[in-house]
N, C-alpha and C. Protein backbone atom coordinates (compact mmCIF):
# COMPACT_ATOMS: atom_id res chain seq x y z
N MET A 1 -25.75 -20.48 119.52
CA MET A 1 -25.14 -21.90 119.32
C MET A 1 -25.61 -22.79 118.45
N ALA A 2 -27.02 -22.64 118.21
CA ALA A 2 -27.76 -23.52 117.41
C ALA A 2 -27.57 -23.43 116.20
N MET A 3 -27.12 -21.68 115.74
CA MET A 3 -26.60 -21.50 114.37
C MET A 3 -25.36 -22.07 113.87
N LEU A 4 -24.50 -22.15 114.99
CA LEU A 4 -23.23 -22.89 114.71
C LEU A 4 -23.39 -24.23 114.52
N SER A 5 -24.13 -24.92 115.29
CA SER A 5 -24.02 -26.14 114.81
C SER A 5 -24.69 -26.86 113.66
N ARG A 6 -25.83 -25.85 113.04
CA ARG A 6 -26.38 -26.15 111.73
C ARG A 6 -25.30 -26.11 110.86
N ALA A 7 -24.50 -24.63 110.86
CA ALA A 7 -23.31 -24.68 109.67
C ALA A 7 -22.22 -25.83 110.16
N ARG A 8 -21.86 -26.09 111.10
CA ARG A 8 -20.95 -27.38 111.25
C ARG A 8 -21.72 -28.62 110.41
N VAL A 9 -22.83 -28.93 110.67
CA VAL A 9 -23.70 -30.12 110.10
C VAL A 9 -23.63 -29.88 108.48
N ALA A 10 -24.03 -28.76 108.20
CA ALA A 10 -24.20 -28.19 106.62
C ALA A 10 -22.67 -28.62 105.83
N SER A 11 -21.77 -27.68 106.52
CA SER A 11 -20.60 -27.97 105.80
C SER A 11 -19.73 -29.38 106.05
N THR A 12 -20.18 -30.42 106.91
CA THR A 12 -19.83 -31.73 107.01
C THR A 12 -20.39 -32.54 106.17
N ALA A 13 -21.92 -32.11 105.74
CA ALA A 13 -22.47 -32.98 104.68
C ALA A 13 -22.01 -32.66 103.20
N LEU A 14 -21.49 -31.25 102.94
CA LEU A 14 -21.14 -31.06 101.76
C LEU A 14 -19.78 -31.74 101.51
N PHE A 15 -18.64 -31.82 102.57
CA PHE A 15 -17.56 -32.53 102.08
C PHE A 15 -17.91 -33.97 101.97
N GLY A 16 -18.83 -34.52 102.74
CA GLY A 16 -18.81 -35.69 102.45
C GLY A 16 -19.32 -36.08 101.13
N LYS A 17 -20.29 -35.24 100.35
CA LYS A 17 -20.60 -35.28 98.87
C LYS A 17 -19.01 -35.10 98.09
N LEU A 18 -18.22 -34.59 98.37
CA LEU A 18 -17.32 -34.00 97.50
C LEU A 18 -16.32 -35.30 97.63
N VAL A 19 -16.28 -36.02 98.92
CA VAL A 19 -15.26 -36.73 99.07
C VAL A 19 -15.54 -38.29 98.48
N HIS A 20 -17.12 -38.73 98.41
CA HIS A 20 -17.51 -39.70 97.77
C HIS A 20 -17.79 -39.41 96.31
N GLN A 21 -17.62 -38.41 95.69
CA GLN A 21 -17.77 -38.24 94.43
C GLN A 21 -16.84 -38.72 93.48
N SER A 22 -16.93 -39.05 92.32
CA SER A 22 -16.04 -39.50 91.58
C SER A 22 -14.75 -38.67 91.10
N PRO A 23 -13.61 -39.15 90.87
CA PRO A 23 -12.71 -37.96 90.39
C PRO A 23 -12.88 -37.12 89.36
N ILE A 24 -12.28 -36.04 89.36
CA ILE A 24 -12.53 -35.22 88.32
C ILE A 24 -11.59 -35.58 87.19
N GLN A 25 -12.10 -35.77 85.81
CA GLN A 25 -11.20 -35.97 84.74
C GLN A 25 -10.67 -34.50 84.37
N ARG A 26 -9.44 -34.85 83.76
CA ARG A 26 -8.82 -33.77 83.38
C ARG A 26 -8.99 -33.53 81.84
N ALA A 27 -9.31 -32.28 81.38
CA ALA A 27 -9.77 -31.97 80.04
C ALA A 27 -8.87 -32.20 79.23
N PHE A 28 -7.28 -32.08 79.48
CA PHE A 28 -6.31 -32.54 78.60
C PHE A 28 -6.17 -34.05 78.49
N SER A 29 -6.65 -34.67 79.29
CA SER A 29 -6.62 -36.04 79.34
C SER A 29 -6.92 -36.78 78.14
N SER A 30 -6.22 -38.05 77.80
CA SER A 30 -6.98 -38.63 76.54
C SER A 30 -8.37 -39.46 76.78
N SER A 31 -8.35 -39.81 78.31
CA SER A 31 -9.80 -40.61 78.27
C SER A 31 -10.76 -39.46 78.73
N SER A 32 -10.81 -38.38 78.58
CA SER A 32 -11.69 -37.40 78.76
C SER A 32 -12.83 -37.64 77.49
N THR A 33 -14.15 -37.57 78.02
CA THR A 33 -15.28 -37.34 77.26
C THR A 33 -16.03 -36.07 77.18
N SER A 34 -15.44 -35.16 77.96
CA SER A 34 -15.85 -33.78 78.27
C SER A 34 -15.62 -33.19 77.26
N TYR A 35 -16.61 -32.17 76.69
CA TYR A 35 -16.08 -31.29 75.56
C TYR A 35 -15.45 -30.32 75.90
N ASN A 36 -14.19 -29.71 75.75
CA ASN A 36 -13.51 -28.51 75.94
C ASN A 36 -13.71 -27.47 75.00
N PRO A 37 -13.99 -26.14 75.26
CA PRO A 37 -13.94 -25.39 74.21
C PRO A 37 -12.77 -24.54 73.27
N MET A 38 -11.74 -25.06 74.55
CA MET A 38 -10.34 -24.47 74.22
C MET A 38 -9.84 -25.20 73.04
N PHE A 39 -10.14 -26.51 72.67
CA PHE A 39 -9.43 -27.29 71.73
C PHE A 39 -10.01 -26.80 70.36
N SER A 40 -11.40 -26.28 70.40
CA SER A 40 -12.27 -26.08 69.49
C SER A 40 -11.93 -24.81 68.27
N LEU A 41 -11.08 -24.19 69.34
CA LEU A 41 -10.90 -22.50 69.05
C LEU A 41 -9.32 -22.85 68.29
N ASP A 42 -9.31 -22.00 67.15
CA ASP A 42 -7.86 -21.82 66.48
C ASP A 42 -6.79 -20.84 67.26
N ILE A 43 -5.56 -21.81 67.91
CA ILE A 43 -4.87 -21.18 68.64
C ILE A 43 -3.92 -19.80 68.15
N SER A 44 -4.17 -19.97 66.53
CA SER A 44 -3.30 -19.11 66.32
C SER A 44 -3.74 -17.27 66.12
N SER A 45 -5.32 -17.61 66.50
CA SER A 45 -6.21 -16.27 66.26
C SER A 45 -6.44 -16.05 67.70
N GLN A 46 -5.53 -16.47 68.44
CA GLN A 46 -5.93 -15.82 70.03
C GLN A 46 -5.08 -14.83 70.36
N VAL A 47 -5.27 -13.52 70.74
CA VAL A 47 -4.46 -12.89 71.30
C VAL A 47 -3.69 -12.95 72.33
N GLY A 48 -2.53 -12.60 72.52
CA GLY A 48 -1.62 -13.20 73.64
C GLY A 48 -0.94 -14.27 73.41
N SER A 49 -1.05 -15.17 72.58
CA SER A 49 -0.54 -16.15 72.02
C SER A 49 0.95 -16.03 71.55
N CYS A 50 1.81 -16.76 72.00
CA CYS A 50 3.33 -16.33 71.52
C CYS A 50 3.97 -17.88 70.93
N MET A 51 4.14 -17.81 69.74
CA MET A 51 4.50 -19.09 68.79
C MET A 51 5.40 -18.68 67.74
N PRO A 52 6.30 -19.62 67.10
CA PRO A 52 6.77 -19.21 65.79
C PRO A 52 5.91 -18.73 64.80
N ILE A 53 6.52 -17.66 64.17
CA ILE A 53 5.88 -17.16 62.87
C ILE A 53 5.53 -18.03 61.80
N SER A 54 6.36 -18.91 61.77
CA SER A 54 5.49 -20.30 60.80
C SER A 54 4.24 -20.68 61.23
N MET A 55 3.93 -20.63 62.30
CA MET A 55 2.30 -21.15 62.69
C MET A 55 1.50 -20.21 62.52
N MET A 56 1.76 -18.67 62.22
CA MET A 56 0.89 -17.95 62.06
C MET A 56 0.27 -17.82 60.66
N ARG A 57 -1.15 -17.14 60.17
CA ARG A 57 -1.55 -16.98 58.97
C ARG A 57 -1.01 -15.42 58.48
N ILE A 58 -1.27 -15.42 57.05
CA ILE A 58 -0.80 -13.99 56.67
C ILE A 58 -1.90 -13.19 57.02
N GLY A 59 -1.48 -11.81 57.58
CA GLY A 59 -2.32 -10.69 57.74
C GLY A 59 -2.70 -10.75 59.61
N THR A 60 -1.79 -11.46 60.11
CA THR A 60 -1.77 -11.71 61.63
C THR A 60 -1.05 -10.44 62.13
N ILE A 61 -1.64 -9.71 62.98
CA ILE A 61 -1.29 -8.78 63.85
C ILE A 61 -0.42 -9.02 65.15
N ILE A 62 0.82 -8.83 64.90
CA ILE A 62 1.67 -9.69 66.24
C ILE A 62 2.54 -8.42 66.52
N HIS A 63 3.25 -8.75 67.65
CA HIS A 63 4.42 -7.69 68.47
C HIS A 63 5.33 -8.50 68.93
N ASN A 64 6.17 -7.78 69.95
CA ASN A 64 7.22 -8.56 70.28
C ASN A 64 8.13 -9.69 69.61
N ILE A 65 8.51 -9.26 68.46
CA ILE A 65 9.34 -10.34 67.42
C ILE A 65 10.88 -10.16 67.75
N GLU A 66 11.02 -11.68 67.77
CA GLU A 66 12.60 -11.93 67.71
C GLU A 66 13.62 -11.64 66.50
N MET A 67 14.75 -11.58 66.46
CA MET A 67 15.32 -11.35 65.28
C MET A 67 16.00 -12.50 64.96
N ASN A 68 16.53 -13.08 66.02
CA ASN A 68 17.16 -14.45 65.68
C ASN A 68 16.44 -15.71 66.68
N PRO A 69 15.93 -16.57 66.17
CA PRO A 69 15.39 -17.71 67.20
C PRO A 69 16.10 -17.83 68.31
N GLY A 70 15.26 -17.65 69.23
CA GLY A 70 15.93 -18.01 70.83
C GLY A 70 16.33 -16.76 71.52
N GLN A 71 16.60 -15.68 70.59
CA GLN A 71 17.05 -14.59 71.43
C GLN A 71 16.19 -13.86 72.10
N GLY A 72 14.92 -13.92 72.24
CA GLY A 72 13.81 -12.89 72.45
C GLY A 72 13.50 -11.59 72.38
N GLY A 73 12.48 -11.28 72.43
CA GLY A 73 11.55 -10.23 71.56
C GLY A 73 12.48 -8.91 71.46
N LYS A 74 12.78 -8.49 70.40
CA LYS A 74 13.62 -7.47 69.97
C LYS A 74 12.87 -6.32 69.37
N LEU A 75 11.97 -6.56 68.32
CA LEU A 75 11.15 -5.65 67.90
C LEU A 75 9.70 -5.51 67.85
N VAL A 76 9.03 -4.03 68.06
CA VAL A 76 7.75 -3.81 68.15
C VAL A 76 7.19 -4.01 69.53
N ARG A 77 7.81 -3.14 70.54
CA ARG A 77 7.82 -3.65 71.76
C ARG A 77 7.22 -2.04 72.56
N ALA A 78 7.22 -1.09 71.74
CA ALA A 78 6.70 0.05 72.47
C ALA A 78 5.20 -0.15 72.73
N ALA A 79 4.62 1.05 73.44
CA ALA A 79 3.20 0.95 73.45
C ALA A 79 2.20 1.37 72.83
N GLY A 80 1.32 0.59 72.24
CA GLY A 80 0.65 0.91 71.51
C GLY A 80 1.08 0.53 69.92
N THR A 81 2.13 -0.12 69.52
CA THR A 81 2.45 -0.43 68.19
C THR A 81 2.02 -2.10 67.77
N SER A 82 2.41 -2.65 66.68
CA SER A 82 1.90 -3.75 66.03
C SER A 82 2.62 -3.82 64.81
N ALA A 83 2.87 -4.87 64.32
CA ALA A 83 3.35 -5.34 62.95
C ALA A 83 2.49 -6.22 62.38
N LYS A 84 2.73 -6.66 60.85
CA LYS A 84 1.78 -7.22 60.17
C LYS A 84 2.61 -8.09 59.37
N ILE A 85 2.16 -9.44 59.22
CA ILE A 85 2.68 -10.51 58.70
C ILE A 85 1.98 -10.23 57.41
N LEU A 86 3.33 -10.23 56.08
CA LEU A 86 2.66 -9.92 54.62
C LEU A 86 2.66 -10.97 53.77
N LYS A 87 3.61 -12.02 53.84
CA LYS A 87 4.05 -13.20 53.27
C LYS A 87 3.87 -14.33 53.88
N GLU A 88 3.87 -15.73 53.64
CA GLU A 88 3.92 -16.89 54.30
C GLU A 88 5.02 -17.37 54.21
N PRO A 89 5.86 -18.13 55.28
CA PRO A 89 7.31 -18.51 54.67
C PRO A 89 7.50 -19.18 53.62
N SER A 90 8.48 -18.91 52.66
CA SER A 90 8.85 -19.40 51.72
C SER A 90 9.92 -20.31 51.88
N ALA A 91 10.44 -20.95 50.60
CA ALA A 91 11.38 -21.97 50.84
C ALA A 91 12.68 -21.62 51.39
N SER A 92 12.78 -20.40 51.47
CA SER A 92 14.02 -19.28 52.27
C SER A 92 13.71 -19.59 53.69
N LYS A 93 12.63 -20.02 54.32
CA LYS A 93 12.42 -20.00 55.56
C LYS A 93 12.26 -18.29 56.49
N LEU A 94 12.49 -17.38 55.26
CA LEU A 94 11.82 -16.13 55.55
C LEU A 94 10.31 -15.72 55.55
N THR A 95 10.21 -14.87 56.51
CA THR A 95 8.61 -14.17 56.35
C THR A 95 8.81 -12.74 56.47
N LEU A 96 7.77 -12.39 55.45
CA LEU A 96 8.22 -10.64 55.24
C LEU A 96 7.07 -9.98 56.35
N ILE A 97 7.47 -9.07 57.03
CA ILE A 97 6.85 -8.38 58.32
C ILE A 97 6.63 -7.10 57.83
N ARG A 98 5.95 -6.40 58.16
CA ARG A 98 5.58 -4.75 57.98
C ARG A 98 5.98 -4.23 59.47
N LEU A 99 6.86 -3.32 59.49
CA LEU A 99 6.99 -2.85 61.01
C LEU A 99 6.23 -1.48 61.33
N PRO A 100 5.88 -1.03 62.45
CA PRO A 100 5.41 0.14 62.45
C PRO A 100 5.61 1.15 61.81
N SER A 101 7.07 1.38 61.68
CA SER A 101 7.63 2.53 60.53
C SER A 101 7.42 2.27 59.14
N GLY A 102 6.91 1.14 59.03
CA GLY A 102 6.38 0.98 57.27
C GLY A 102 7.69 0.15 56.57
N VAL A 103 8.69 -0.16 57.28
CA VAL A 103 9.83 -0.88 56.71
C VAL A 103 9.02 -2.77 56.57
N GLU A 104 9.45 -3.06 55.48
CA GLU A 104 9.13 -4.49 55.40
C GLU A 104 10.27 -5.11 55.45
N LYS A 105 10.50 -6.00 56.58
CA LYS A 105 11.88 -6.88 57.07
C LYS A 105 11.16 -8.25 56.97
N LEU A 106 12.50 -8.90 56.56
CA LEU A 106 12.37 -10.33 56.50
C LEU A 106 13.05 -11.12 57.54
N ILE A 107 12.18 -11.73 57.98
CA ILE A 107 12.56 -12.52 59.38
C ILE A 107 12.47 -13.66 59.16
N ASP A 108 13.44 -14.76 60.16
CA ASP A 108 13.28 -16.14 60.12
C ASP A 108 12.01 -16.35 60.54
N SER A 109 11.38 -17.39 60.22
CA SER A 109 10.04 -18.21 60.24
C SER A 109 10.05 -18.85 61.31
N GLN A 110 11.50 -19.19 62.33
CA GLN A 110 11.47 -19.75 63.54
C GLN A 110 11.63 -18.96 64.54
N CYS A 111 11.55 -17.66 64.14
CA CYS A 111 11.45 -16.96 65.24
C CYS A 111 10.05 -16.53 66.06
N ARG A 112 10.08 -16.41 67.36
CA ARG A 112 8.86 -16.29 67.74
C ARG A 112 8.21 -14.75 67.86
N ALA A 113 6.73 -15.06 68.19
CA ALA A 113 6.27 -13.49 68.17
C ALA A 113 4.96 -13.84 68.91
N THR A 114 4.27 -12.31 69.47
CA THR A 114 2.99 -12.79 70.22
C THR A 114 2.18 -11.79 69.42
N ILE A 115 0.91 -12.42 69.37
CA ILE A 115 -0.34 -12.13 68.50
C ILE A 115 -1.09 -10.84 69.25
N GLY A 116 -1.17 -9.95 68.46
CA GLY A 116 -2.05 -8.87 69.27
C GLY A 116 -1.42 -7.56 69.22
N VAL A 117 -1.93 -6.41 69.79
CA VAL A 117 -1.18 -5.04 69.62
C VAL A 117 -0.73 -4.92 71.09
N VAL A 118 0.45 -4.24 71.28
CA VAL A 118 0.85 -3.70 72.80
C VAL A 118 -0.16 -3.03 73.32
N SER A 119 -0.20 -3.09 74.56
CA SER A 119 -1.37 -2.12 75.35
C SER A 119 -0.97 -0.92 75.40
N ASN A 120 -1.59 0.01 76.12
CA ASN A 120 -1.24 1.45 76.54
C ASN A 120 -1.14 2.27 75.09
N PRO A 121 -2.11 2.66 74.33
CA PRO A 121 -1.88 3.33 73.14
C PRO A 121 -1.98 4.71 73.23
N GLU A 122 -2.46 5.11 74.26
CA GLU A 122 -2.64 6.61 74.67
C GLU A 122 -1.33 6.95 75.20
N HIS A 123 -0.31 6.31 75.33
CA HIS A 123 1.15 6.90 75.65
C HIS A 123 1.70 7.90 74.79
N ALA A 124 1.45 7.69 73.67
CA ALA A 124 1.95 8.76 72.75
C ALA A 124 1.44 9.85 72.78
N THR A 125 -0.18 10.35 73.04
CA THR A 125 -0.80 11.29 73.28
C THR A 125 -0.61 12.19 74.72
N LYS A 126 -0.01 11.35 75.52
CA LYS A 126 0.01 11.75 77.21
C LYS A 126 0.96 13.39 76.87
N LYS A 127 0.58 14.16 77.54
CA LYS A 127 1.30 15.38 77.75
C LYS A 127 1.73 15.73 79.01
N LEU A 128 3.17 16.21 79.08
CA LEU A 128 3.73 16.38 80.39
C LEU A 128 3.42 18.10 80.46
N ARG A 129 2.92 18.01 82.10
CA ARG A 129 1.87 18.88 82.35
C ARG A 129 3.12 20.25 82.91
N LYS A 130 4.27 19.75 83.55
CA LYS A 130 5.14 20.65 84.04
C LYS A 130 6.49 19.83 83.75
N ALA A 131 7.77 21.03 83.98
CA ALA A 131 8.76 20.61 83.92
C ALA A 131 9.39 19.50 84.60
N GLY A 132 8.51 19.25 85.66
CA GLY A 132 9.01 18.33 86.82
C GLY A 132 8.76 16.84 85.98
N ASN A 133 7.63 16.90 85.20
CA ASN A 133 7.44 15.44 84.91
C ASN A 133 8.41 15.05 83.85
N SER A 134 8.98 16.06 83.15
CA SER A 134 10.20 15.45 82.04
C SER A 134 11.19 15.18 82.98
N ARG A 135 11.86 15.66 84.47
CA ARG A 135 12.67 15.33 85.08
C ARG A 135 12.72 14.13 85.63
N TRP A 136 11.10 13.85 86.05
CA TRP A 136 10.88 12.30 86.54
C TRP A 136 11.32 10.93 85.60
N LEU A 137 11.39 11.52 84.08
CA LEU A 137 11.69 10.45 83.09
C LEU A 137 13.33 10.74 83.14
N GLY A 138 13.88 11.25 83.93
CA GLY A 138 15.25 11.21 83.52
C GLY A 138 16.13 12.19 82.46
N ARG A 139 15.22 13.14 82.09
CA ARG A 139 15.69 14.02 81.10
C ARG A 139 15.93 15.65 81.60
N ARG A 140 17.09 15.81 81.33
CA ARG A 140 17.94 17.21 82.01
C ARG A 140 17.23 18.10 80.92
N PRO A 141 17.09 19.44 81.17
CA PRO A 141 17.06 20.75 80.45
C PRO A 141 18.12 20.79 79.44
N THR A 142 17.51 21.19 78.42
CA THR A 142 18.61 21.29 77.10
C THR A 142 18.37 23.09 77.00
N VAL A 143 19.57 23.47 76.71
CA VAL A 143 19.39 25.24 76.38
C VAL A 143 20.23 25.50 74.98
N ARG A 144 19.49 25.92 74.17
CA ARG A 144 20.13 26.14 72.50
C ARG A 144 21.49 27.25 72.92
N GLY A 145 22.22 26.87 71.77
CA GLY A 145 23.42 27.89 71.89
C GLY A 145 23.47 28.90 71.75
N VAL A 146 22.29 29.32 70.52
CA VAL A 146 22.12 30.67 70.39
C VAL A 146 21.61 31.55 71.31
N ALA A 147 20.90 31.00 72.30
CA ALA A 147 20.49 31.62 73.49
C ALA A 147 21.35 31.92 74.61
N MET A 148 22.79 31.48 74.45
CA MET A 148 23.90 31.54 75.34
C MET A 148 24.65 32.79 75.06
N ASN A 149 25.69 33.08 75.94
CA ASN A 149 26.52 34.36 75.60
C ASN A 149 27.71 33.59 74.94
N PRO A 150 28.43 34.32 74.22
CA PRO A 150 29.62 33.87 72.92
C PRO A 150 30.71 33.19 74.25
N VAL A 151 30.79 33.62 75.25
CA VAL A 151 32.05 32.88 75.99
C VAL A 151 31.51 31.29 76.49
N ASP A 152 30.10 31.09 76.46
CA ASP A 152 29.64 29.69 76.76
C ASP A 152 29.42 28.64 75.51
N HIS A 153 29.33 29.31 74.28
CA HIS A 153 28.83 28.69 73.16
C HIS A 153 29.71 29.54 71.81
N PRO A 154 29.81 29.00 70.92
CA PRO A 154 30.42 29.33 69.31
C PRO A 154 28.87 30.04 68.71
N HIS A 155 27.74 29.93 69.12
CA HIS A 155 26.75 30.33 68.70
C HIS A 155 26.21 31.39 69.14
N GLY A 156 26.76 31.61 70.42
CA GLY A 156 26.16 32.53 71.43
C GLY A 156 26.35 34.15 71.10
N GLY A 157 25.46 35.15 71.40
CA GLY A 157 25.85 36.40 71.28
C GLY A 157 25.32 37.33 70.03
N GLY A 158 25.47 38.05 70.02
CA GLY A 158 24.89 38.73 68.76
C GLY A 158 23.35 39.58 69.43
N GLU A 159 22.77 40.27 68.53
CA GLU A 159 21.65 41.06 68.77
C GLU A 159 19.91 40.59 68.70
N GLY A 160 19.43 40.26 69.64
CA GLY A 160 18.29 39.48 69.41
C GLY A 160 18.21 38.03 69.01
N LYS A 161 17.69 37.71 68.06
CA LYS A 161 17.71 36.23 67.93
C LYS A 161 18.62 35.90 66.57
N SER A 162 19.80 36.20 67.01
CA SER A 162 21.06 36.34 65.36
C SER A 162 21.49 34.84 65.59
N LYS A 163 21.49 34.64 64.25
CA LYS A 163 22.16 33.27 63.93
C LYS A 163 23.53 33.14 63.32
N SER A 164 24.39 34.35 63.48
CA SER A 164 25.43 34.59 63.00
C SER A 164 26.44 35.20 64.16
N SER A 165 26.29 35.07 65.40
CA SER A 165 27.14 35.55 66.50
C SER A 165 27.63 37.08 66.02
N GLY A 166 26.71 37.84 66.17
CA GLY A 166 26.85 39.28 65.98
C GLY A 166 26.79 39.79 64.53
N CYS A 167 27.84 40.78 63.81
CA CYS A 167 28.00 40.93 62.77
C CYS A 167 28.62 40.13 61.61
N ARG A 168 29.26 39.02 61.92
CA ARG A 168 30.31 37.93 61.29
C ARG A 168 29.47 36.98 61.26
N GLY A 169 29.34 36.46 59.87
CA GLY A 169 28.74 34.87 59.77
C GLY A 169 29.43 33.82 60.15
N ARG A 170 29.09 32.93 61.02
CA ARG A 170 29.91 31.77 61.09
C ARG A 170 29.19 30.62 60.90
N VAL A 171 30.14 29.40 60.65
CA VAL A 171 29.18 28.01 60.35
C VAL A 171 28.89 27.67 61.67
N SER A 172 28.30 26.57 61.76
CA SER A 172 27.54 26.11 63.04
C SER A 172 28.65 25.03 63.53
N THR A 173 28.96 25.45 64.71
CA THR A 173 29.90 24.66 65.29
C THR A 173 29.43 23.88 66.60
N SER A 174 30.20 23.06 67.13
CA SER A 174 29.89 21.97 68.55
C SER A 174 30.64 23.45 69.75
N PRO A 175 30.07 23.06 70.60
CA PRO A 175 30.46 24.19 71.89
C PRO A 175 32.00 24.03 72.22
N TRP A 176 32.71 23.20 71.52
CA TRP A 176 34.22 23.58 71.39
C TRP A 176 35.06 23.98 70.65
N GLY A 177 33.92 24.79 69.31
CA GLY A 177 34.34 25.20 68.20
C GLY A 177 34.85 24.63 66.97
N LYS A 178 34.05 23.13 66.87
CA LYS A 178 34.52 22.26 65.62
C LYS A 178 33.38 22.55 64.66
N PRO A 179 33.63 22.63 63.38
CA PRO A 179 32.26 22.74 62.50
C PRO A 179 31.49 21.30 62.77
N SER A 180 30.15 21.75 63.06
CA SER A 180 29.46 20.80 63.26
C SER A 180 28.62 20.51 61.83
N LYS A 181 28.96 20.85 60.77
CA LYS A 181 27.94 20.73 59.40
C LYS A 181 29.07 20.75 58.19
N SER A 182 28.67 20.46 57.01
CA SER A 182 29.50 20.38 55.93
C SER A 182 30.27 19.47 55.61
N GLY A 183 30.34 18.37 56.50
CA GLY A 183 31.09 16.99 56.38
C GLY A 183 32.42 17.03 56.86
N TYR A 184 32.47 18.08 57.78
CA TYR A 184 33.60 18.26 58.83
C TYR A 184 34.23 16.92 58.85
N LYS A 185 35.47 16.34 59.06
CA LYS A 185 35.79 15.11 59.41
C LYS A 185 36.50 15.01 60.81
N THR A 186 35.81 14.30 61.62
CA THR A 186 36.30 14.74 63.24
C THR A 186 36.90 13.11 63.65
N GLY A 187 36.85 12.19 62.77
CA GLY A 187 37.56 10.99 62.94
C GLY A 187 39.09 10.84 63.41
N PRO A 188 39.42 10.00 63.84
CA PRO A 188 41.18 10.02 63.77
C PRO A 188 41.60 9.93 62.44
N LEU A 189 42.83 10.23 62.41
CA LEU A 189 43.83 10.32 60.80
C LEU A 189 44.08 9.05 60.34
N LYS A 190 44.23 8.08 61.38
CA LYS A 190 44.93 6.93 60.83
C LYS A 190 43.62 5.93 60.10
N LYS A 191 42.34 6.23 60.72
CA LYS A 191 41.40 5.25 60.18
C LYS A 191 41.06 5.97 58.73
N ARG A 192 41.21 7.03 58.34
CA ARG A 192 41.00 7.96 57.19
C ARG A 192 42.14 7.63 56.35
N LYS A 193 41.77 6.81 55.06
CA LYS A 193 42.73 6.14 54.06
C LYS A 193 41.57 5.84 52.62
């Protein structure tokens, strides 16, 4: 019982000190005199900051880039990817950005992007250990036409790994017999003029 009363006295004393203390000044108020390290740092160099591309420096690594202002991030969103700003916004209000594919694209400077690299770079190196892993990702099995019988696919049949459906050489076709190479036209006739 003595321990409980001592704890209660200590907690009330602490509460009394907090109540009689001067109100805490906010770091973002104009009357504040306390030093806030957040304002001394350059916000454009902080990883995770999202802002218009026009506010970023040359060479900044970015991801989740908008294609049109206010549209939402469309480019560079896959795991472990990043893009780089190559040129500052010019008079035409366009910024040159190098995408992960190596393509250099002009994007409106008012489009927003996030600074840094997308997390989980190991995603590309992850191996699927069994066929079930692929099925969990929604991928169904694919069977080559060459491995089928002639009744199932035009590429089927032949002896061993035959590419010619037996002794007769045939062009590569779809499962319904339409040629799939050599520029064979498959679109509707009325559009071809």
